Amino acid sequence: MTTDNRTEDQKVAAVRASMTMAGYTMTAQDEHDIRRMFRGEITGDEAVLQAMERDGYGNSTRARELRERIAKAKGAQ
């Protein structure tokens, strides 16, 4: 496994560049969530679920699937 020696700001800049190339503009909330993921405060699944809930998709099939996957992952710890 390769060690990533970039700073958090450099990693965020790389994500922003990738999102821009894909045609998406990173919001302040996106950046906040990304930084929390880099710090290990939340997982990618948790960040996606939170974004879905903010956008009104908290009762969707995909949100339910994410909740199940998150619960299983936490149970395995």
PDB file of N, CA and C in Angstrom:
ATOM      1  N   MET A   1       0.838  -1.171   0.000  1.00  0.00           N
ATOM      2  CA  MET A   1       0.000   0.000   0.000  1.00  0.00           C
ATOM      3  C   MET A   1       0.886   1.238   0.000  1.00  0.00           C
ATOM      4  N   THR A   2       0.541   2.205  -0.810  1.00  0.00           N
ATOM      5  CA  THR A   2       1.305   3.434  -0.925  1.00  0.00           C
ATOM      6  C   THR A   2       0.820   4.457   0.090  1.00  0.00           C
ATOM      7  N   THR A   3       1.750   5.116   0.752  1.00  0.00           N
ATOM      8  CA  THR A   3       1.399   6.165   1.709  1.00  0.00           C
ATOM      9  C   THR A   3       1.108   7.456   0.960  1.00  0.00           C
ATOM     10  N   ASP A   4       0.037   8.114   1.339  1.00  0.00           N
ATOM     11  CA  ASP A   4      -0.336   9.394   0.734  1.00  0.00           C
ATOM     12  C   ASP A   4       0.166  10.507   1.644  1.00  0.00           C
ATOM     13  N   ASN A   5       1.204  11.193   1.233  1.00  0.00           N
ATOM     14  CA  ASN A   5       1.820  12.226   2.057  1.00  0.00           C
ATOM     15  C   ASN A   5       1.263  13.617   1.809  1.00  0.00           C
ATOM     16  N   ARG A   6       0.187  13.714   1.019  1.00  0.00           N
ATOM     17  CA  ARG A   6      -0.392  15.031   0.754  1.00  0.00           C
ATOM     18  C   ARG A   6      -1.086  15.559   2.008  1.00  0.00           C
ATOM     19  N   THR A   7      -1.131  16.876   2.114  1.00  0.00           N
ATOM     20  CA  THR A   7      -1.865  17.491   3.209  1.00  0.00           C
ATOM     21  C   THR A   7      -3.363  17.358   2.936  1.00  0.00           C
ATOM     22  N   GLU A   8      -4.152  17.621   3.961  1.00  0.00           N
ATOM     23  CA  GLU A   8      -5.604  17.583   3.785  1.00  0.00           C
ATOM     24  C   GLU A   8      -6.042  18.581   2.709  1.00  0.00           C
ATOM     25  N   ASP A   9      -5.457  19.781   2.722  1.00  0.00           N
ATOM     26  CA  ASP A   9      -5.805  20.791   1.718  1.00  0.00           C
ATOM     27  C   ASP A   9      -5.474  20.311   0.307  1.00  0.00           C
ATOM     28  N   GLN A  10      -4.349  19.612   0.155  1.00  0.00           N
ATOM     29  CA  GLN A  10      -3.980  19.094  -1.165  1.00  0.00           C
ATOM     30  C   GLN A  10      -4.956  18.011  -1.620  1.00  0.00           C
ATOM     31  N   LYS A  11      -5.375  17.184  -0.701  1.00  0.00           N
ATOM     32  CA  LYS A  11      -6.343  16.139  -1.037  1.00  0.00           C
ATOM     33  C   LYS A  11      -7.686  16.752  -1.437  1.00  0.00           C
ATOM     34  N   VAL A  12      -8.117  17.762  -0.681  1.00  0.00           N
ATOM     35  CA  VAL A  12      -9.379  18.434  -1.009  1.00  0.00           C
ATOM     36  C   VAL A  12      -9.277  19.075  -2.387  1.00  0.00           C
ATOM     37  N   ALA A  13      -8.135  19.702  -2.687  1.00  0.00           N
ATOM     38  CA  ALA A  13      -7.937  20.320  -4.003  1.00  0.00           C
ATOM     39  C   ALA A  13      -8.017  19.276  -5.110  1.00  0.00           C
ATOM     40  N   ALA A  14      -7.493  18.085  -4.867  1.00  0.00           N
ATOM     41  CA  ALA A  14      -7.556  17.019  -5.866  1.00  0.00           C
ATOM     42  C   ALA A  14      -8.998  16.566  -6.092  1.00  0.00           C
ATOM     43  N   VAL A  15      -9.768  16.446  -5.008  1.00  0.00           N
ATOM     44  CA  VAL A  15     -11.176  16.074  -5.144  1.00  0.00           C
ATOM     45  C   VAL A  15     -11.928  17.163  -5.890  1.00  0.00           C
ATOM     46  N   ARG A  16     -11.669  18.433  -5.548  1.00  0.00           N
ATOM     47  CA  ARG A  16     -12.329  19.549  -6.226  1.00  0.00           C
ATOM     48  C   ARG A  16     -12.022  19.518  -7.724  1.00  0.00           C
ATOM     49  N   ALA A  17     -10.765  19.261  -8.078  1.00  0.00           N
ATOM     50  CA  ALA A  17     -10.386  19.209  -9.492  1.00  0.00           C
ATOM     51  C   ALA A  17     -11.123  18.075 -10.207  1.00  0.00           C
ATOM     52  N   SER A  18     -11.206  16.922  -9.567  1.00  0.00           N
ATOM     53  CA  SER A  18     -11.914  15.783 -10.179  1.00  0.00           C
ATOM     54  C   SER A  18     -13.388  16.098 -10.372  1.00  0.00           C
ATOM     55  N   MET A  19     -13.984  16.724  -9.375  1.00  0.00           N
ATOM     56  CA  MET A  19     -15.405  17.065  -9.465  1.00  0.00           C
ATOM     57  C   MET A  19     -15.632  18.105 -10.559  1.00  0.00           C
ATOM     58  N   THR A  20     -14.731  19.065 -10.665  1.00  0.00           N
ATOM     59  CA  THR A  20     -14.843  20.093 -11.705  1.00  0.00           C
ATOM     60  C   THR A  20     -14.739  19.466 -13.086  1.00  0.00           C
ATOM     61  N   MET A  21     -13.798  18.543 -13.254  1.00  0.00           N
ATOM     62  CA  MET A  21     -13.644  17.868 -14.548  1.00  0.00           C
ATOM     63  C   MET A  21     -14.893  17.064 -14.907  1.00  0.00           C
ATOM     64  N   ALA A  22     -15.618  16.609 -13.872  1.00  0.00           N
ATOM     65  CA  ALA A  22     -16.845  15.842 -14.102  1.00  0.00           C
ATOM     66  C   ALA A  22     -18.056  16.753 -14.274  1.00  0.00           C
ATOM     67  N   GLY A  23     -17.830  18.064 -14.176  1.00  0.00           N
ATOM     68  CA  GLY A  23     -18.921  19.006 -14.387  1.00  0.00           C
ATOM     69  C   GLY A  23     -19.696  19.378 -13.139  1.00  0.00           C
ATOM     70  N   TYR A  24     -19.143  19.107 -11.970  1.00  0.00           N
ATOM     71  CA  TYR A  24     -19.823  19.389 -10.713  1.00  0.00           C
ATOM     72  C   TYR A  24     -19.049  20.452  -9.951  1.00  0.00           C
ATOM     73  N   THR A  25     -19.730  21.396  -9.342  1.00  0.00           N
ATOM     74  CA  THR A  25     -19.092  22.410  -8.525  1.00  0.00           C
ATOM     75  C   THR A  25     -19.192  22.003  -7.062  1.00  0.00           C
ATOM     76  N   MET A  26     -18.056  21.911  -6.387  1.00  0.00           N
ATOM     77  CA  MET A  26     -18.033  21.525  -4.990  1.00  0.00           C
ATOM     78  C   MET A  26     -18.647  22.631  -4.130  1.00  0.00           C
ATOM     79  N   THR A  27     -19.584  22.249  -3.281  1.00  0.00           N
ATOM     80  CA  THR A  27     -20.191  23.202  -2.358  1.00  0.00           C
ATOM     81  C   THR A  27     -19.385  23.234  -1.057  1.00  0.00           C
ATOM     82  N   ALA A  28     -19.677  24.212  -0.220  1.00  0.00           N
ATOM     83  CA  ALA A  28     -19.030  24.287   1.087  1.00  0.00           C
ATOM     84  C   ALA A  28     -19.362  23.047   1.917  1.00  0.00           C
ATOM     85  N   GLN A  29     -20.591  22.559   1.800  1.00  0.00           N
ATOM     86  CA  GLN A  29     -20.979  21.347   2.535  1.00  0.00           C
ATOM     87  C   GLN A  29     -20.214  20.137   2.012  1.00  0.00           C
ATOM     88  N   ASP A  30     -20.040  20.048   0.688  1.00  0.00           N
ATOM     89  CA  ASP A  30     -19.248  18.954   0.119  1.00  0.00           C
ATOM     90  C   ASP A  30     -17.845  18.959   0.719  1.00  0.00           C
ATOM     91  N   GLU A  31     -17.228  20.137   0.742  1.00  0.00           N
ATOM     92  CA  GLU A  31     -15.868  20.233   1.276  1.00  0.00           C
ATOM     93  C   GLU A  31     -15.836  19.838   2.752  1.00  0.00           C
ATOM     94  N   HIS A  32     -16.816  20.273   3.512  1.00  0.00           N
ATOM     95  CA  HIS A  32     -16.895  19.910   4.931  1.00  0.00           C
ATOM     96  C   HIS A  32     -16.977  18.390   5.086  1.00  0.00           C
ATOM     97  N   ASP A  33     -17.850  17.765   4.289  1.00  0.00           N
ATOM     98  CA  ASP A  33     -18.010  16.310   4.352  1.00  0.00           C
ATOM     99  C   ASP A  33     -16.728  15.588   3.948  1.00  0.00           C
ATOM    100  N   ILE A  34     -16.080  16.069   2.907  1.00  0.00           N
ATOM    101  CA  ILE A  34     -14.841  15.446   2.434  1.00  0.00           C
ATOM    102  C   ILE A  34     -13.763  15.519   3.504  1.00  0.00           C
ATOM    103  N   ARG A  35     -13.637  16.674   4.142  1.00  0.00           N
ATOM    104  CA  ARG A  35     -12.649  16.825   5.206  1.00  0.00           C
ATOM    105  C   ARG A  35     -12.957  15.876   6.375  1.00  0.00           C
ATOM    106  N   ARG A  36     -14.227  15.711   6.713  1.00  0.00           N
ATOM    107  CA  ARG A  36     -14.605  14.777   7.775  1.00  0.00           C
ATOM    108  C   ARG A  36     -14.234  13.345   7.403  1.00  0.00           C
ATOM    109  N   MET A  37     -14.394  12.996   6.123  1.00  0.00           N
ATOM    110  CA  MET A  37     -13.991  11.657   5.674  1.00  0.00           C
ATOM    111  C   MET A  37     -12.480  11.481   5.793  1.00  0.00           C
ATOM    112  N   PHE A  38     -11.716  12.475   5.350  1.00  0.00           N
ATOM    113  CA  PHE A  38     -10.263  12.388   5.440  1.00  0.00           C
ATOM    114  C   PHE A  38      -9.797  12.239   6.884  1.00  0.00           C
ATOM    115  N   ARG A  39     -10.508  12.845   7.825  1.00  0.00           N
ATOM    116  CA  ARG A  39     -10.145  12.780   9.242  1.00  0.00           C
ATOM    117  C   ARG A  39     -10.642  11.503   9.912  1.00  0.00           C
ATOM    118  N   GLY A  40     -11.418  10.714   9.181  1.00  0.00           N
ATOM    119  CA  GLY A  40     -11.941   9.469   9.736  1.00  0.00           C
ATOM    120  C   GLY A  40     -13.147   9.655  10.632  1.00  0.00           C
ATOM    121  N   GLU A  41     -13.773  10.839  10.564  1.00  0.00           N
ATOM    122  CA  GLU A  41     -14.946  11.104  11.395  1.00  0.00           C
ATOM    123  C   GLU A  41     -16.191  10.421  10.854  1.00  0.00           C
ATOM    124  N   ILE A  42     -16.288  10.276   9.540  1.00  0.00           N
ATOM    125  CA  ILE A  42     -17.409   9.598   8.889  1.00  0.00           C
ATOM    126  C   ILE A  42     -16.865   8.785   7.722  1.00  0.00           C
ATOM    127  N   THR A  43     -17.645   7.809   7.307  1.00  0.00           N
ATOM    128  CA  THR A  43     -17.279   7.024   6.131  1.00  0.00           C
ATOM    129  C   THR A  43     -17.904   7.649   4.883  1.00  0.00           C
ATOM    130  N   GLY A  44     -17.485   7.182   3.746  1.00  0.00           N
ATOM    131  CA  GLY A  44     -18.097   7.639   2.498  1.00  0.00           C
ATOM    132  C   GLY A  44     -19.576   7.331   2.459  1.00  0.00           C
ATOM    133  N   ASP A  45     -19.955   6.146   2.930  1.00  0.00           N
ATOM    134  CA  ASP A  45     -21.377   5.780   2.966  1.00  0.00           C
ATOM    135  C   ASP A  45     -22.162   6.746   3.851  1.00  0.00           C
ATOM    136  N   GLU A  46     -21.588   7.103   4.997  1.00  0.00           N
ATOM    137  CA  GLU A  46     -22.286   8.027   5.891  1.00  0.00           C
ATOM    138  C   GLU A  46     -22.427   9.411   5.258  1.00  0.00           C
ATOM    139  N   ALA A  47     -21.387   9.855   4.562  1.00  0.00           N
ATOM    140  CA  ALA A  47     -21.450  11.162   3.896  1.00  0.00           C
ATOM    141  C   ALA A  47     -22.517  11.162   2.808  1.00  0.00           C
ATOM    142  N   VAL A  48     -22.576  10.089   2.034  1.00  0.00           N
ATOM    143  CA  VAL A  48     -23.588  10.002   0.972  1.00  0.00           C
ATOM    144  C   VAL A  48     -24.985   9.977   1.580  1.00  0.00           C
ATOM    145  N   LEU A  49     -25.170   9.200   2.633  1.00  0.00           N
ATOM    146  CA  LEU A  49     -26.482   9.133   3.283  1.00  0.00           C
ATOM    147  C   LEU A  49     -26.897  10.501   3.812  1.00  0.00           C
ATOM    148  N   GLN A  50     -25.981  11.203   4.441  1.00  0.00           N
ATOM    149  CA  GLN A  50     -26.298  12.531   4.959  1.00  0.00           C
ATOM    150  C   GLN A  50     -26.692  13.485   3.828  1.00  0.00           C
ATOM    151  N   ALA A  51     -25.972  13.418   2.715  1.00  0.00           N
ATOM    152  CA  ALA A  51     -26.306  14.275   1.567  1.00  0.00           C
ATOM    153  C   ALA A  51     -27.685  13.919   1.019  1.00  0.00           C
ATOM    154  N   MET A  52     -27.986  12.627   0.942  1.00  0.00           N
ATOM    155  CA  MET A  52     -29.294  12.204   0.461  1.00  0.00           C
ATOM    156  C   MET A  52     -30.397  12.705   1.394  1.00  0.00           C
ATOM    157  N   GLU A  53     -30.152  12.614   2.688  1.00  0.00           N
ATOM    158  CA  GLU A  53     -31.147  13.087   3.652  1.00  0.00           C
ATOM    159  C   GLU A  53     -31.353  14.596   3.520  1.00  0.00           C
ATOM    160  N   ARG A  54     -30.272  15.346   3.350  1.00  0.00           N
ATOM    161  CA  ARG A  54     -30.387  16.800   3.174  1.00  0.00           C
ATOM    162  C   ARG A  54     -31.188  17.151   1.933  1.00  0.00           C
ATOM    163  N   ASP A  55     -31.062  16.317   0.899  1.00  0.00           N
ATOM    164  CA  ASP A  55     -31.746  16.577  -0.367  1.00  0.00           C
ATOM    165  C   ASP A  55     -33.139  15.957  -0.438  1.00  0.00           C
ATOM    166  N   GLY A  56     -33.599  15.380   0.657  1.00  0.00           N
ATOM    167  CA  GLY A  56     -34.957  14.852   0.706  1.00  0.00           C
ATOM    168  C   GLY A  56     -35.115  13.413   0.241  1.00  0.00           C
ATOM    169  N   TYR A  57     -34.013  12.681   0.155  1.00  0.00           N
ATOM    170  CA  TYR A  57     -34.077  11.286  -0.291  1.00  0.00           C
ATOM    171  C   TYR A  57     -33.820  10.299   0.849  1.00  0.00           C
ATOM    172  N   GLY A  58     -34.055  10.733   2.067  1.00  0.00           N
ATOM    173  CA  GLY A  58     -33.783   9.899   3.226  1.00  0.00           C
ATOM    174  C   GLY A  58     -34.649   8.663   3.344  1.00  0.00           C
ATOM    175  N   ASN A  59     -35.781   8.642   2.653  1.00  0.00           N
ATOM    176  CA  ASN A  59     -36.669   7.477   2.705  1.00  0.00           C
ATOM    177  C   ASN A  59     -36.572   6.613   1.451  1.00  0.00           C
ATOM    178  N   SER A  60     -35.601   6.891   0.614  1.00  0.00           N
ATOM    179  CA  SER A  60     -35.463   6.137  -0.632  1.00  0.00           C
ATOM    180  C   SER A  60     -34.900   4.737  -0.374  1.00  0.00           C
ATOM    181  N   THR A  61     -35.054   3.888  -1.347  1.00  0.00           N
ATOM    182  CA  THR A  61     -34.503   2.532  -1.258  1.00  0.00           C
ATOM    183  C   THR A  61     -32.999   2.587  -1.059  1.00  0.00           C
ATOM    184  N   ARG A  62     -32.328   3.440  -1.792  1.00  0.00           N
ATOM    185  CA  ARG A  62     -30.872   3.544  -1.686  1.00  0.00           C
ATOM    186  C   ARG A  62     -30.465   4.001  -0.287  1.00  0.00           C
ATOM    187  N   ALA A  63     -31.194   4.936   0.304  1.00  0.00           N
ATOM    188  CA  ALA A  63     -30.878   5.397   1.660  1.00  0.00           C
ATOM    189  C   ALA A  63     -31.042   4.254   2.665  1.00  0.00           C
ATOM    190  N   ARG A  64     -32.090   3.476   2.501  1.00  0.00           N
ATOM    191  CA  ARG A  64     -32.290   2.324   3.393  1.00  0.00           C
ATOM    192  C   ARG A  64     -31.145   1.324   3.239  1.00  0.00           C
ATOM    193  N   GLU A  65     -30.718   1.087   2.006  1.00  0.00           N
ATOM    194  CA  GLU A  65     -29.594   0.171   1.771  1.00  0.00           C
ATOM    195  C   GLU A  65     -28.320   0.680   2.436  1.00  0.00           C
ATOM    196  N   LEU A  66     -28.090   1.980   2.327  1.00  0.00           N
ATOM    197  CA  LEU A  66     -26.903   2.562   2.956  1.00  0.00           C
ATOM    198  C   LEU A  66     -26.962   2.417   4.471  1.00  0.00           C
ATOM    199  N   ARG A  67     -28.116   2.656   5.057  1.00  0.00           N
ATOM    200  CA  ARG A  67     -28.258   2.508   6.509  1.00  0.00           C
ATOM    201  C   ARG A  67     -27.935   1.081   6.943  1.00  0.00           C
ATOM    202  N   GLU A  68     -28.404   0.108   6.183  1.00  0.00           N
ATOM    203  CA  GLU A  68     -28.122  -1.296   6.503  1.00  0.00           C
ATOM    204  C   GLU A  68     -26.626  -1.579   6.401  1.00  0.00           C
ATOM    205  N   ARG A  69     -25.991  -1.088   5.338  1.00  0.00           N
ATOM    206  CA  ARG A  69     -24.556  -1.319   5.145  1.00  0.00           C
ATOM    207  C   ARG A  69     -23.742  -0.643   6.250  1.00  0.00           C
ATOM    208  N   ILE A  70     -24.147   0.575   6.639  1.00  0.00           N
ATOM    209  CA  ILE A  70     -23.455   1.290   7.708  1.00  0.00           C
ATOM    210  C   ILE A  70     -23.598   0.532   9.023  1.00  0.00           C
ATOM    211  N   ALA A  71     -24.801   0.060   9.299  1.00  0.00           N
ATOM    212  CA  ALA A  71     -25.041  -0.698  10.548  1.00  0.00           C
ATOM    213  C   ALA A  71     -24.210  -1.976  10.574  1.00  0.00           C
ATOM    214  N   LYS A  72     -24.139  -2.677   9.453  1.00  0.00           N
ATOM    215  CA  LYS A  72     -23.334  -3.903   9.383  1.00  0.00           C
ATOM    216  C   LYS A  72     -21.859  -3.590   9.613  1.00  0.00           C
ATOM    217  N   ALA A  73     -21.369  -2.513   9.011  1.00  0.00           N
ATOM    218  CA  ALA A  73     -19.961  -2.132   9.155  1.00  0.00           C
ATOM    219  C   ALA A  73     -19.653  -1.773  10.614  1.00  0.00           C
ATOM    220  N   LYS A  74     -20.559  -1.091  11.249  1.00  0.00           N
ATOM    221  CA  LYS A  74     -20.345  -0.712  12.663  1.00  0.00           C
ATOM    222  C   LYS A  74     -20.431  -1.931  13.557  1.00  0.00           C
ATOM    223  N   GLY A  75     -21.265  -2.904  13.194  1.00  0.00           N
ATOM    224  CA  GLY A  75     -21.366  -4.126  13.963  1.00  0.00           C
ATOM    225  C   GLY A  75     -20.125  -4.995  13.865  1.00  0.00           C
ATOM    226  N   ALA A  76     -19.398  -4.846  12.760  1.00  0.00           N
ATOM    227  CA  ALA A  76     -18.193  -5.642  12.534  1.00  0.00           C
ATOM    228  C   ALA A  76     -16.988  -5.087  13.286  1.00  0.00           C
ATOM    229  N   GLN A  77     -17.107  -3.880  13.807  1.00  0.00           N
ATOM    230  CA  GLN A  77     -15.954  -3.253  14.481  1.00  0.00           C
ATOM    231  C   GLN A  77     -15.704  -3.801  15.830  1.00  0.00           C
TER     232      GLN A  77
END
